[in-house]
Amino acid sequence: MLLIAFPLASLCQTDNSGVKWIGKYHFEDPELTAFDLKIRDDNSVVYEAEGMQTFFEVEGMGKVNGSTYEIYFLSTKDGAYLSEDWIDVTKPIIVLSYKNNILYTAEPQHDEPASKKFKKIN
C-alpha cells in the first residue's frame, strides 16, 4: 500500500498542479523598482511594486492553464496600476511560466515591453 501511495502523491505535483506556483517571488528592475508576487494556496494573489514613480498593490485570483499560471484582476488595493475601466477581467493581467525556480512573466494588458524574471524567495 505504501508503494502505491507514494507514486500517487508524486502525480499530484505535475506541471498542471497549482502547488508549484505557491510562494513569494521578487524581482528588481534596473531602475530600482521592486516587484513582489505572493501566490497563496487558495490561488489568491497579491502583486506589489514600489520604486521610482511606481507604487501599487493589486489583488488577483490565479489558475493553472496547462504549463502556465494565469492571474486575473480583482482589485487595486493601493496606488496606481491600470485604470480599472481598461482592464478586461475575462483575460489575465499576468501570465507566468516557470523554469529553474524562476517565474517569467508576461503582462498582456499592460504596455510592458519585456518579461520580468521573478526569483522565488520562499
Foldseek 3Di string as FASTA:
>chain_A
DVVVVVVVVVVCPDLQHPVVVAAKWWFADPQGKIWIWGQHPQQKIWIFIDDDVDTWIFIWGWHGDRNKIFTFGDGTPDDDDPPPVQGDRVHGQWIWHDDPQWTWIDGVSDPDPGTTTIHGPD
